[in-house]
Amino acid sequence: MARTWFSIRVELVSGRGEDYWPRPGRVFAASRSHTFGQLARSVDNAFARWDLAHLHQFVLADGTELTDPQSWDDQQPEESLDSGRTALGVLKPGAQFAYVFDLGDDWTHLCTVERDRVDPLDTLGIVPELPMPYWGWGNLPDQYGRLWEEDDGESSAPRSPRNPLRDLPPILPWWGPPRR
């Protein structure tokens, strides 16, 4: 298995009408037998998406589209391939393609198959069932742009306490009110 897995660099380009620079990114180890659908789920998890009830789409450099036909309610774009049945093995080192999650908010990613392959045991310490990130950088925006739990897009942010650790239970020595 040595050095047979792809290393796929995934950078968040845009989403919810914003372009990101520098682009947050993750690098994944992925087997040639993993599917595009599995890569989609792994990317969504690595980019902190929690509402996964949205459509996704891959677009390869030659214009080939891959989607999840079960999510389209019989309105899947003609000519698109099933992302859950198409293996990543169709990719070649150096290939670039786009991944879009949530076709309303358009979380758009540039994906690049790096030229060097990886050994999952050396890189991850395991052979994962799904593509798995092993490197990353950047701040990840909330899927819906929320900055705090009750953020409704109109309310003011909660006031920052003077000591933001004071309200925590004293489980760790530096949490909670000062000890006497």
N, C-alpha and C. Protein backbone atom coordinates (compact mmCIF):
# COMPACT_ATOMS: atom_id res chain seq x y z
N MET A 1 0.82 -1.19 0.00
CA MET A 1 0.00 0.00 0.00
C MET A 1 0.87 1.26 0.00
N ALA A 2 2.16 1.10 0.20
CA ALA A 2 3.04 2.26 0.32
C ALA A 2 2.86 3.24 -0.84
N ARG A 3 2.58 4.47 -0.47
CA ARG A 3 2.48 5.59 -1.41
C ARG A 3 1.51 5.34 -2.57
N THR A 4 0.36 4.74 -2.27
CA THR A 4 -0.62 4.49 -3.32
C THR A 4 -1.85 5.38 -3.21
N TRP A 5 -2.01 6.08 -2.09
CA TRP A 5 -3.19 6.92 -1.91
C TRP A 5 -2.94 8.31 -2.44
N PHE A 6 -4.02 8.93 -2.89
CA PHE A 6 -3.95 10.33 -3.31
C PHE A 6 -3.79 11.24 -2.10
N SER A 7 -3.15 12.34 -2.32
CA SER A 7 -3.15 13.47 -1.39
C SER A 7 -3.92 14.57 -2.13
N ILE A 8 -5.08 14.94 -1.58
CA ILE A 8 -5.95 15.91 -2.26
C ILE A 8 -6.05 17.18 -1.42
N ARG A 9 -5.58 18.27 -2.00
CA ARG A 9 -5.63 19.59 -1.35
C ARG A 9 -6.98 20.22 -1.67
N VAL A 10 -7.72 20.65 -0.63
CA VAL A 10 -9.03 21.25 -0.79
C VAL A 10 -9.01 22.63 -0.15
N GLU A 11 -9.27 23.67 -0.96
CA GLU A 11 -9.27 25.05 -0.47
C GLU A 11 -10.66 25.64 -0.62
N LEU A 12 -11.14 26.31 0.42
CA LEU A 12 -12.42 27.00 0.38
C LEU A 12 -12.25 28.31 -0.37
N VAL A 13 -12.90 28.43 -1.51
CA VAL A 13 -12.78 29.61 -2.37
C VAL A 13 -13.83 30.65 -2.01
N SER A 14 -15.08 30.20 -1.85
CA SER A 14 -16.16 31.14 -1.58
C SER A 14 -17.35 30.42 -0.96
N GLY A 15 -18.26 31.22 -0.41
CA GLY A 15 -19.49 30.70 0.16
C GLY A 15 -20.32 31.83 0.73
N ARG A 16 -21.65 31.68 0.64
CA ARG A 16 -22.59 32.69 1.14
C ARG A 16 -22.28 34.08 0.60
N GLY A 17 -21.80 34.16 -0.64
CA GLY A 17 -21.55 35.45 -1.28
C GLY A 17 -20.22 36.09 -0.93
N GLU A 18 -19.36 35.39 -0.21
CA GLU A 18 -18.05 35.92 0.16
C GLU A 18 -16.95 35.10 -0.49
N ASP A 19 -15.88 35.79 -0.93
CA ASP A 19 -14.67 35.12 -1.41
C ASP A 19 -13.68 35.14 -0.27
N TYR A 20 -12.92 34.05 -0.11
CA TYR A 20 -11.99 33.94 1.02
C TYR A 20 -10.55 34.05 0.56
N TRP A 21 -9.81 34.91 1.24
CA TRP A 21 -8.37 35.02 1.03
C TRP A 21 -7.73 35.49 2.32
N PRO A 22 -6.71 34.85 2.79
CA PRO A 22 -6.20 33.58 2.28
C PRO A 22 -7.26 32.49 2.44
N ARG A 23 -7.17 31.53 1.57
CA ARG A 23 -8.19 30.47 1.56
C ARG A 23 -7.91 29.44 2.64
N PRO A 24 -8.92 29.15 3.49
CA PRO A 24 -8.75 28.03 4.43
C PRO A 24 -8.66 26.73 3.64
N GLY A 25 -7.90 25.79 4.15
CA GLY A 25 -7.76 24.54 3.41
C GLY A 25 -7.49 23.34 4.29
N ARG A 26 -7.63 22.19 3.69
CA ARG A 26 -7.34 20.91 4.31
C ARG A 26 -6.72 20.02 3.24
N VAL A 27 -5.85 19.11 3.67
CA VAL A 27 -5.26 18.13 2.76
C VAL A 27 -5.73 16.75 3.22
N PHE A 28 -6.25 15.97 2.29
CA PHE A 28 -6.85 14.67 2.59
C PHE A 28 -6.01 13.53 2.00
N ALA A 29 -5.94 12.44 2.73
CA ALA A 29 -5.46 11.17 2.19
C ALA A 29 -6.71 10.44 1.71
N ALA A 30 -6.70 9.99 0.46
CA ALA A 30 -7.87 9.32 -0.10
C ALA A 30 -7.44 8.18 -1.01
N SER A 31 -8.08 7.05 -0.84
CA SER A 31 -7.81 5.89 -1.69
C SER A 31 -8.42 6.10 -3.06
N ARG A 32 -7.82 5.49 -4.06
CA ARG A 32 -8.38 5.55 -5.42
C ARG A 32 -9.76 4.88 -5.45
N SER A 33 -10.06 3.99 -4.50
CA SER A 33 -11.36 3.30 -4.47
C SER A 33 -12.43 4.08 -3.70
N HIS A 34 -12.03 5.12 -2.96
CA HIS A 34 -13.04 5.96 -2.33
C HIS A 34 -13.85 6.65 -3.42
N THR A 35 -15.11 6.97 -3.12
CA THR A 35 -15.95 7.64 -4.11
C THR A 35 -15.94 9.15 -3.89
N PHE A 36 -16.41 9.85 -4.90
CA PHE A 36 -16.56 11.30 -4.77
C PHE A 36 -17.56 11.63 -3.66
N GLY A 37 -18.59 10.80 -3.51
CA GLY A 37 -19.56 11.01 -2.44
C GLY A 37 -18.90 10.91 -1.06
N GLN A 38 -18.00 9.95 -0.90
CA GLN A 38 -17.27 9.83 0.36
C GLN A 38 -16.35 11.03 0.58
N LEU A 39 -15.71 11.50 -0.49
CA LEU A 39 -14.89 12.69 -0.36
C LEU A 39 -15.74 13.89 0.04
N ALA A 40 -16.93 14.02 -0.54
CA ALA A 40 -17.84 15.13 -0.20
C ALA A 40 -18.13 15.12 1.29
N ARG A 41 -18.49 13.97 1.84
CA ARG A 41 -18.83 13.88 3.27
C ARG A 41 -17.61 14.23 4.12
N SER A 42 -16.44 13.77 3.73
CA SER A 42 -15.23 14.07 4.50
C SER A 42 -14.88 15.55 4.44
N VAL A 43 -15.03 16.17 3.28
CA VAL A 43 -14.77 17.61 3.14
C VAL A 43 -15.76 18.39 4.01
N ASP A 44 -17.03 18.04 3.95
CA ASP A 44 -18.03 18.74 4.74
C ASP A 44 -17.73 18.64 6.24
N ASN A 45 -17.33 17.47 6.69
CA ASN A 45 -16.98 17.31 8.10
C ASN A 45 -15.74 18.13 8.46
N ALA A 46 -14.73 18.08 7.61
CA ALA A 46 -13.48 18.80 7.90
C ALA A 46 -13.65 20.31 7.85
N PHE A 47 -14.66 20.79 7.11
CA PHE A 47 -14.92 22.23 7.03
C PHE A 47 -16.05 22.64 7.98
N ALA A 48 -16.31 21.81 8.99
CA ALA A 48 -17.22 22.11 10.11
C ALA A 48 -18.66 22.36 9.68
N ARG A 49 -19.13 21.60 8.71
CA ARG A 49 -20.54 21.72 8.32
C ARG A 49 -21.35 20.73 9.14
N TRP A 50 -22.42 21.20 9.70
CA TRP A 50 -23.22 20.35 10.57
C TRP A 50 -24.61 20.09 10.00
N ASP A 51 -25.10 20.94 9.11
CA ASP A 51 -26.37 20.70 8.45
C ASP A 51 -26.04 20.13 7.08
N LEU A 52 -26.07 18.82 6.98
CA LEU A 52 -25.63 18.15 5.76
C LEU A 52 -26.77 17.83 4.79
N ALA A 53 -27.95 18.38 5.05
CA ALA A 53 -29.12 18.10 4.21
C ALA A 53 -29.15 19.04 2.99
N HIS A 54 -28.05 19.12 2.28
CA HIS A 54 -27.96 19.99 1.11
C HIS A 54 -27.33 19.21 -0.04
N LEU A 55 -27.61 19.66 -1.25
CA LEU A 55 -27.05 19.03 -2.44
C LEU A 55 -25.56 19.35 -2.56
N HIS A 56 -24.86 18.46 -3.24
CA HIS A 56 -23.46 18.75 -3.57
C HIS A 56 -23.21 18.43 -5.04
N GLN A 57 -22.12 18.98 -5.52
CA GLN A 57 -21.76 18.78 -6.93
C GLN A 57 -20.25 18.88 -7.08
N PHE A 58 -19.69 17.99 -7.87
CA PHE A 58 -18.30 18.08 -8.30
C PHE A 58 -18.31 18.44 -9.77
N VAL A 59 -17.37 19.25 -10.20
CA VAL A 59 -17.20 19.56 -11.61
C VAL A 59 -15.72 19.33 -11.93
N LEU A 60 -15.45 18.38 -12.81
CA LEU A 60 -14.08 18.08 -13.21
C LEU A 60 -13.63 19.08 -14.26
N ALA A 61 -12.35 19.15 -14.50
CA ALA A 61 -11.79 20.13 -15.45
C ALA A 61 -12.35 19.97 -16.85
N ASP A 62 -12.76 18.75 -17.23
CA ASP A 62 -13.32 18.54 -18.58
C ASP A 62 -14.82 18.83 -18.63
N GLY A 63 -15.39 19.33 -17.51
CA GLY A 63 -16.82 19.67 -17.47
C GLY A 63 -17.71 18.57 -16.94
N THR A 64 -17.16 17.39 -16.70
CA THR A 64 -17.96 16.29 -16.14
C THR A 64 -18.50 16.70 -14.78
N GLU A 65 -19.80 16.46 -14.56
CA GLU A 65 -20.44 16.76 -13.28
C GLU A 65 -20.76 15.47 -12.55
N LEU A 66 -20.58 15.49 -11.24
CA LEU A 66 -20.93 14.36 -10.39
C LEU A 66 -21.82 14.89 -9.27
N THR A 67 -22.94 14.22 -9.05
CA THR A 67 -23.88 14.63 -8.00
C THR A 67 -24.44 13.39 -7.31
N ASP A 68 -25.23 13.60 -6.28
CA ASP A 68 -25.91 12.52 -5.57
C ASP A 68 -27.33 12.43 -6.11
N PRO A 69 -27.63 11.45 -6.97
CA PRO A 69 -28.95 11.39 -7.61
C PRO A 69 -30.10 11.21 -6.61
N GLN A 70 -29.84 10.62 -5.45
CA GLN A 70 -30.88 10.41 -4.45
C GLN A 70 -31.36 11.73 -3.84
N SER A 71 -30.57 12.78 -3.94
CA SER A 71 -30.92 14.06 -3.36
C SER A 71 -31.69 14.97 -4.30
N TRP A 72 -31.80 14.60 -5.56
CA TRP A 72 -32.36 15.52 -6.55
C TRP A 72 -33.85 15.34 -6.81
N ASP A 73 -34.49 14.36 -6.23
CA ASP A 73 -35.92 14.13 -6.46
C ASP A 73 -36.25 14.12 -7.96
N ASP A 74 -35.58 13.26 -8.70
CA ASP A 74 -35.81 13.09 -10.13
C ASP A 74 -35.51 14.32 -10.98
N GLN A 75 -34.77 15.29 -10.46
CA GLN A 75 -34.42 16.46 -11.25
C GLN A 75 -32.90 16.60 -11.39
N GLN A 76 -32.21 15.47 -11.25
CA GLN A 76 -30.76 15.47 -11.39
C GLN A 76 -30.37 15.97 -12.78
N PRO A 77 -29.34 16.81 -12.86
CA PRO A 77 -28.91 17.29 -14.17
C PRO A 77 -28.57 16.12 -15.10
N GLU A 78 -29.02 16.21 -16.34
CA GLU A 78 -28.69 15.17 -17.32
C GLU A 78 -27.18 15.10 -17.49
N GLU A 79 -26.70 13.95 -17.82
CA GLU A 79 -25.28 13.73 -18.07
C GLU A 79 -24.42 13.70 -16.81
N SER A 80 -24.99 13.97 -15.63
CA SER A 80 -24.15 13.94 -14.43
C SER A 80 -23.96 12.49 -13.98
N LEU A 81 -22.81 12.24 -13.39
CA LEU A 81 -22.49 10.91 -12.88
C LEU A 81 -22.86 10.84 -11.41
N ASP A 82 -23.05 9.65 -10.91
CA ASP A 82 -23.40 9.41 -9.50
C ASP A 82 -22.14 9.53 -8.65
N SER A 83 -22.08 10.54 -7.79
CA SER A 83 -20.89 10.76 -6.96
C SER A 83 -20.68 9.62 -5.96
N GLY A 84 -21.74 8.90 -5.62
CA GLY A 84 -21.62 7.79 -4.68
C GLY A 84 -21.13 6.50 -5.32
N ARG A 85 -21.09 6.47 -6.64
CA ARG A 85 -20.64 5.27 -7.35
C ARG A 85 -19.37 5.49 -8.17
N THR A 86 -18.95 6.73 -8.30
CA THR A 86 -17.77 7.03 -9.11
C THR A 86 -16.56 7.14 -8.21
N ALA A 87 -15.58 6.28 -8.43
CA ALA A 87 -14.38 6.24 -7.61
C ALA A 87 -13.40 7.36 -7.98
N LEU A 88 -12.63 7.78 -7.00
CA LEU A 88 -11.62 8.81 -7.21
C LEU A 88 -10.52 8.35 -8.16
N GLY A 89 -10.47 7.05 -8.44
CA GLY A 89 -9.46 6.50 -9.35
C GLY A 89 -9.50 7.10 -10.74
N VAL A 90 -10.59 7.80 -11.11
CA VAL A 90 -10.63 8.46 -12.43
C VAL A 90 -9.72 9.67 -12.46
N LEU A 91 -9.24 10.12 -11.31
CA LEU A 91 -8.37 11.30 -11.23
C LEU A 91 -6.92 10.93 -11.47
N LYS A 92 -6.17 11.89 -11.93
CA LYS A 92 -4.73 11.73 -12.15
C LYS A 92 -3.98 12.76 -11.30
N PRO A 93 -2.74 12.47 -10.92
CA PRO A 93 -1.96 13.48 -10.19
C PRO A 93 -1.91 14.80 -10.97
N GLY A 94 -2.11 15.90 -10.26
CA GLY A 94 -2.12 17.22 -10.87
C GLY A 94 -3.50 17.68 -11.29
N ALA A 95 -4.48 16.77 -11.30
CA ALA A 95 -5.84 17.14 -11.71
C ALA A 95 -6.44 18.15 -10.73
N GLN A 96 -7.23 19.07 -11.28
CA GLN A 96 -7.96 20.02 -10.45
C GLN A 96 -9.43 19.92 -10.78
N PHE A 97 -10.26 20.09 -9.75
CA PHE A 97 -11.70 20.04 -9.93
C PHE A 97 -12.35 20.87 -8.84
N ALA A 98 -13.63 21.17 -9.02
CA ALA A 98 -14.36 21.99 -8.05
C ALA A 98 -15.33 21.11 -7.28
N TYR A 99 -15.54 21.46 -6.02
CA TYR A 99 -16.57 20.85 -5.19
C TYR A 99 -17.45 21.95 -4.65
N VAL A 100 -18.77 21.81 -4.84
CA VAL A 100 -19.72 22.80 -4.34
C VAL A 100 -20.68 22.09 -3.39
N PHE A 101 -20.79 22.61 -2.18
CA PHE A 101 -21.74 22.11 -1.18
C PHE A 101 -22.82 23.15 -1.00
N ASP A 102 -24.07 22.72 -0.93
CA ASP A 102 -25.23 23.60 -0.73
C ASP A 102 -25.35 24.53 -1.92
N LEU A 103 -26.11 24.10 -2.90
CA LEU A 103 -26.22 24.84 -4.15
C LEU A 103 -27.01 26.14 -4.03
N GLY A 104 -27.34 26.54 -2.80
CA GLY A 104 -27.92 27.85 -2.55
C GLY A 104 -26.87 28.80 -2.01
N ASP A 105 -26.14 28.34 -0.97
CA ASP A 105 -25.07 29.16 -0.40
C ASP A 105 -23.75 28.99 -1.15
N ASP A 106 -23.66 27.98 -1.99
CA ASP A 106 -22.50 27.76 -2.87
C ASP A 106 -21.16 27.78 -2.14
N TRP A 107 -20.98 26.87 -1.20
CA TRP A 107 -19.67 26.71 -0.57
C TRP A 107 -18.79 26.03 -1.61
N THR A 108 -17.92 26.80 -2.25
CA THR A 108 -17.16 26.34 -3.41
C THR A 108 -15.70 26.12 -3.04
N HIS A 109 -15.17 24.99 -3.49
CA HIS A 109 -13.80 24.58 -3.16
C HIS A 109 -13.02 24.25 -4.42
N LEU A 110 -11.75 24.58 -4.40
CA LEU A 110 -10.82 24.13 -5.43
C LEU A 110 -10.10 22.91 -4.87
N CYS A 111 -10.17 21.82 -5.60
CA CYS A 111 -9.52 20.57 -5.18
C CYS A 111 -8.39 20.26 -6.15
N THR A 112 -7.24 19.89 -5.60
CA THR A 112 -6.07 19.58 -6.42
C THR A 112 -5.48 18.25 -5.97
N VAL A 113 -5.35 17.32 -6.91
CA VAL A 113 -4.69 16.05 -6.61
C VAL A 113 -3.20 16.32 -6.66
N GLU A 114 -2.54 16.22 -5.52
CA GLU A 114 -1.11 16.52 -5.47
C GLU A 114 -0.33 15.44 -6.20
N ARG A 115 0.82 15.81 -6.70
CA ARG A 115 1.62 14.90 -7.51
C ARG A 115 2.19 13.74 -6.70
N ASP A 116 2.53 14.00 -5.44
CA ASP A 116 3.07 12.94 -4.59
C ASP A 116 1.94 12.18 -3.92
N ARG A 117 2.05 10.87 -3.94
CA ARG A 117 1.07 10.01 -3.27
C ARG A 117 1.49 9.83 -1.81
N VAL A 118 0.57 9.32 -1.00
CA VAL A 118 0.86 9.10 0.42
C VAL A 118 0.56 7.67 0.82
N ASP A 119 1.23 7.23 1.86
CA ASP A 119 0.94 5.95 2.50
C ASP A 119 0.09 6.28 3.72
N PRO A 120 -1.16 5.81 3.79
CA PRO A 120 -2.01 6.20 4.91
C PRO A 120 -1.44 5.77 6.27
N LEU A 121 -0.76 4.64 6.32
CA LEU A 121 -0.18 4.22 7.61
C LEU A 121 0.91 5.18 8.07
N ASP A 122 1.74 5.63 7.14
CA ASP A 122 2.79 6.60 7.49
C ASP A 122 2.20 7.97 7.81
N THR A 123 1.21 8.40 7.03
CA THR A 123 0.67 9.75 7.14
C THR A 123 -0.35 9.89 8.25
N LEU A 124 -1.24 8.89 8.40
CA LEU A 124 -2.34 8.97 9.35
C LEU A 124 -2.19 8.05 10.56
N GLY A 125 -1.38 7.01 10.40
CA GLY A 125 -1.25 6.01 11.46
C GLY A 125 -2.33 4.94 11.39
N ILE A 126 -3.26 5.06 10.45
CA ILE A 126 -4.34 4.09 10.25
C ILE A 126 -4.67 4.04 8.76
N VAL A 127 -5.50 3.07 8.40
CA VAL A 127 -6.07 3.02 7.06
C VAL A 127 -7.56 3.33 7.24
N PRO A 128 -7.97 4.59 7.01
CA PRO A 128 -9.35 4.98 7.29
C PRO A 128 -10.33 4.45 6.24
N GLU A 129 -11.59 4.31 6.66
CA GLU A 129 -12.64 3.86 5.75
C GLU A 129 -13.06 4.95 4.77
N LEU A 130 -12.85 6.21 5.16
CA LEU A 130 -13.22 7.35 4.33
C LEU A 130 -12.00 8.24 4.11
N PRO A 131 -12.02 9.10 3.11
CA PRO A 131 -10.93 10.08 2.99
C PRO A 131 -10.79 10.84 4.31
N MET A 132 -9.54 11.14 4.68
CA MET A 132 -9.31 11.74 5.98
C MET A 132 -8.31 12.89 5.88
N PRO A 133 -8.65 14.03 6.52
CA PRO A 133 -7.70 15.14 6.49
C PRO A 133 -6.49 14.84 7.36
N TYR A 134 -5.32 15.30 6.91
CA TYR A 134 -4.13 15.14 7.73
C TYR A 134 -3.34 16.45 7.87
N TRP A 135 -3.83 17.51 7.28
CA TRP A 135 -3.18 18.81 7.41
C TRP A 135 -4.24 19.87 7.15
N GLY A 136 -4.09 21.04 7.75
CA GLY A 136 -5.07 22.08 7.51
C GLY A 136 -4.62 23.43 8.01
N TRP A 137 -5.34 24.47 7.60
CA TRP A 137 -5.01 25.85 7.97
C TRP A 137 -6.24 26.72 7.77
N GLY A 138 -6.23 27.87 8.42
CA GLY A 138 -7.24 28.89 8.20
C GLY A 138 -8.46 28.79 9.09
N ASN A 139 -9.15 29.93 9.21
CA ASN A 139 -10.39 30.02 9.98
C ASN A 139 -11.55 29.56 9.12
N LEU A 140 -12.39 28.72 9.69
CA LEU A 140 -13.54 28.20 8.95
C LEU A 140 -14.78 28.99 9.31
N PRO A 141 -15.46 29.55 8.31
CA PRO A 141 -16.69 30.29 8.59
C PRO A 141 -17.82 29.34 8.97
N ASP A 142 -18.73 29.82 9.81
CA ASP A 142 -19.90 29.04 10.16
C ASP A 142 -20.77 28.86 8.92
N GLN A 143 -21.36 27.70 8.80
CA GLN A 143 -22.17 27.36 7.64
C GLN A 143 -23.27 28.39 7.37
N TYR A 144 -23.83 28.95 8.41
CA TYR A 144 -24.91 29.93 8.25
C TYR A 144 -24.50 31.33 8.68
N GLY A 145 -23.21 31.55 8.91
CA GLY A 145 -22.71 32.87 9.27
C GLY A 145 -22.97 33.27 10.71
N ARG A 146 -23.32 32.32 11.55
CA ARG A 146 -23.61 32.63 12.95
C ARG A 146 -22.32 32.81 13.73
N LEU A 147 -22.31 33.79 14.63
CA LEU A 147 -21.13 34.05 15.45
C LEU A 147 -21.33 33.63 16.90
N TRP A 148 -22.56 33.42 17.34
CA TRP A 148 -22.86 32.90 18.67
C TRP A 148 -24.14 32.08 18.55
N GLU A 149 -24.46 31.31 19.58
CA GLU A 149 -25.53 30.33 19.50
C GLU A 149 -26.88 30.91 19.09
N GLU A 150 -27.28 32.03 19.64
CA GLU A 150 -28.59 32.61 19.35
C GLU A 150 -28.55 33.66 18.24
N ASP A 151 -27.47 33.74 17.50
CA ASP A 151 -27.32 34.74 16.44
C ASP A 151 -28.43 34.58 15.41
N ASP A 152 -29.27 35.61 15.27
CA ASP A 152 -30.35 35.59 14.30
C ASP A 152 -30.09 36.53 13.13
N GLY A 153 -28.89 37.09 13.08
CA GLY A 153 -28.52 37.99 12.00
C GLY A 153 -28.94 39.43 12.24
N GLU A 154 -29.72 39.68 13.29
CA GLU A 154 -30.19 41.04 13.56
C GLU A 154 -29.81 41.53 14.95
N SER A 155 -29.68 40.62 15.90
CA SER A 155 -29.40 41.00 17.29
C SER A 155 -27.94 41.41 17.46
N SER A 156 -27.70 42.21 18.48
CA SER A 156 -26.33 42.58 18.83
C SER A 156 -25.64 41.40 19.49
N ALA A 157 -24.34 41.33 19.31
CA ALA A 157 -23.55 40.27 19.92
C ALA A 157 -23.60 40.42 21.44
N PRO A 158 -23.54 39.31 22.16
CA PRO A 158 -23.52 39.41 23.61
C PRO A 158 -22.26 40.17 24.07
N ARG A 159 -22.41 40.90 25.15
CA ARG A 159 -21.29 41.65 25.68
C ARG A 159 -20.22 40.71 26.21
N SER A 160 -18.99 41.01 25.90
CA SER A 160 -17.88 40.17 26.35
C SER A 160 -17.61 40.43 27.83
N PRO A 161 -17.56 39.38 28.63
CA PRO A 161 -17.26 39.57 30.05
C PRO A 161 -15.80 39.98 30.23
N ARG A 162 -15.52 40.64 31.34
CA ARG A 162 -14.15 41.05 31.64
C ARG A 162 -13.24 39.83 31.75
N ASN A 163 -13.73 38.80 32.38
CA ASN A 163 -12.99 37.54 32.49
C ASN A 163 -13.84 36.46 31.82
N PRO A 164 -13.56 36.10 30.55
CA PRO A 164 -14.42 35.16 29.83
C PRO A 164 -14.37 33.73 30.36
N LEU A 165 -13.52 33.44 31.33
CA LEU A 165 -13.45 32.09 31.89
C LEU A 165 -14.19 31.98 33.22
N ARG A 166 -14.65 33.09 33.74
CA ARG A 166 -15.26 33.13 35.07
C ARG A 166 -16.55 32.32 35.16
N ASP A 167 -17.34 32.25 34.08
CA ASP A 167 -18.63 31.55 34.14
C ASP A 167 -18.49 30.04 33.96
N LEU A 168 -17.28 29.55 33.75
CA LEU A 168 -17.07 28.12 33.55
C LEU A 168 -17.05 27.39 34.89
N PRO A 169 -17.46 26.12 34.91
CA PRO A 169 -17.36 25.35 36.15
C PRO A 169 -15.89 25.14 36.49
N PRO A 170 -15.54 25.09 37.75
CA PRO A 170 -14.12 25.00 38.14
C PRO A 170 -13.51 23.61 37.94
N ILE A 171 -13.71 23.05 36.78
CA ILE A 171 -13.15 21.73 36.47
C ILE A 171 -11.63 21.83 36.31
N LEU A 172 -11.16 22.87 35.65
CA LEU A 172 -9.73 23.12 35.51
C LEU A 172 -9.34 24.28 36.42
N PRO A 173 -8.11 24.32 36.89
CA PRO A 173 -7.71 25.35 37.87
C PRO A 173 -7.91 26.79 37.38
N TRP A 174 -7.83 27.05 36.10
CA TRP A 174 -7.95 28.43 35.61
C TRP A 174 -9.38 28.78 35.19
N TRP A 175 -10.33 27.85 35.35
CA TRP A 175 -11.73 28.12 35.06
C TRP A 175 -12.45 28.60 36.32
N GLY A 176 -13.56 29.28 36.11
CA GLY A 176 -14.43 29.68 37.20
C GLY A 176 -13.94 30.88 37.97
N PRO A 177 -14.67 31.22 39.02
CA PRO A 177 -14.26 32.37 39.83
C PRO A 177 -12.94 32.06 40.53
N PRO A 178 -12.19 33.11 40.84
CA PRO A 178 -10.91 32.88 41.54
C PRO A 178 -11.13 32.11 42.84
N ARG A 179 -10.24 31.17 43.09
CA ARG A 179 -10.34 30.36 44.32
C ARG A 179 -9.66 31.08 45.47
N ARG A 180 -10.22 30.91 46.62
CA ARG A 180 -9.66 31.58 47.82
C ARG A 180 -8.97 30.59 48.71
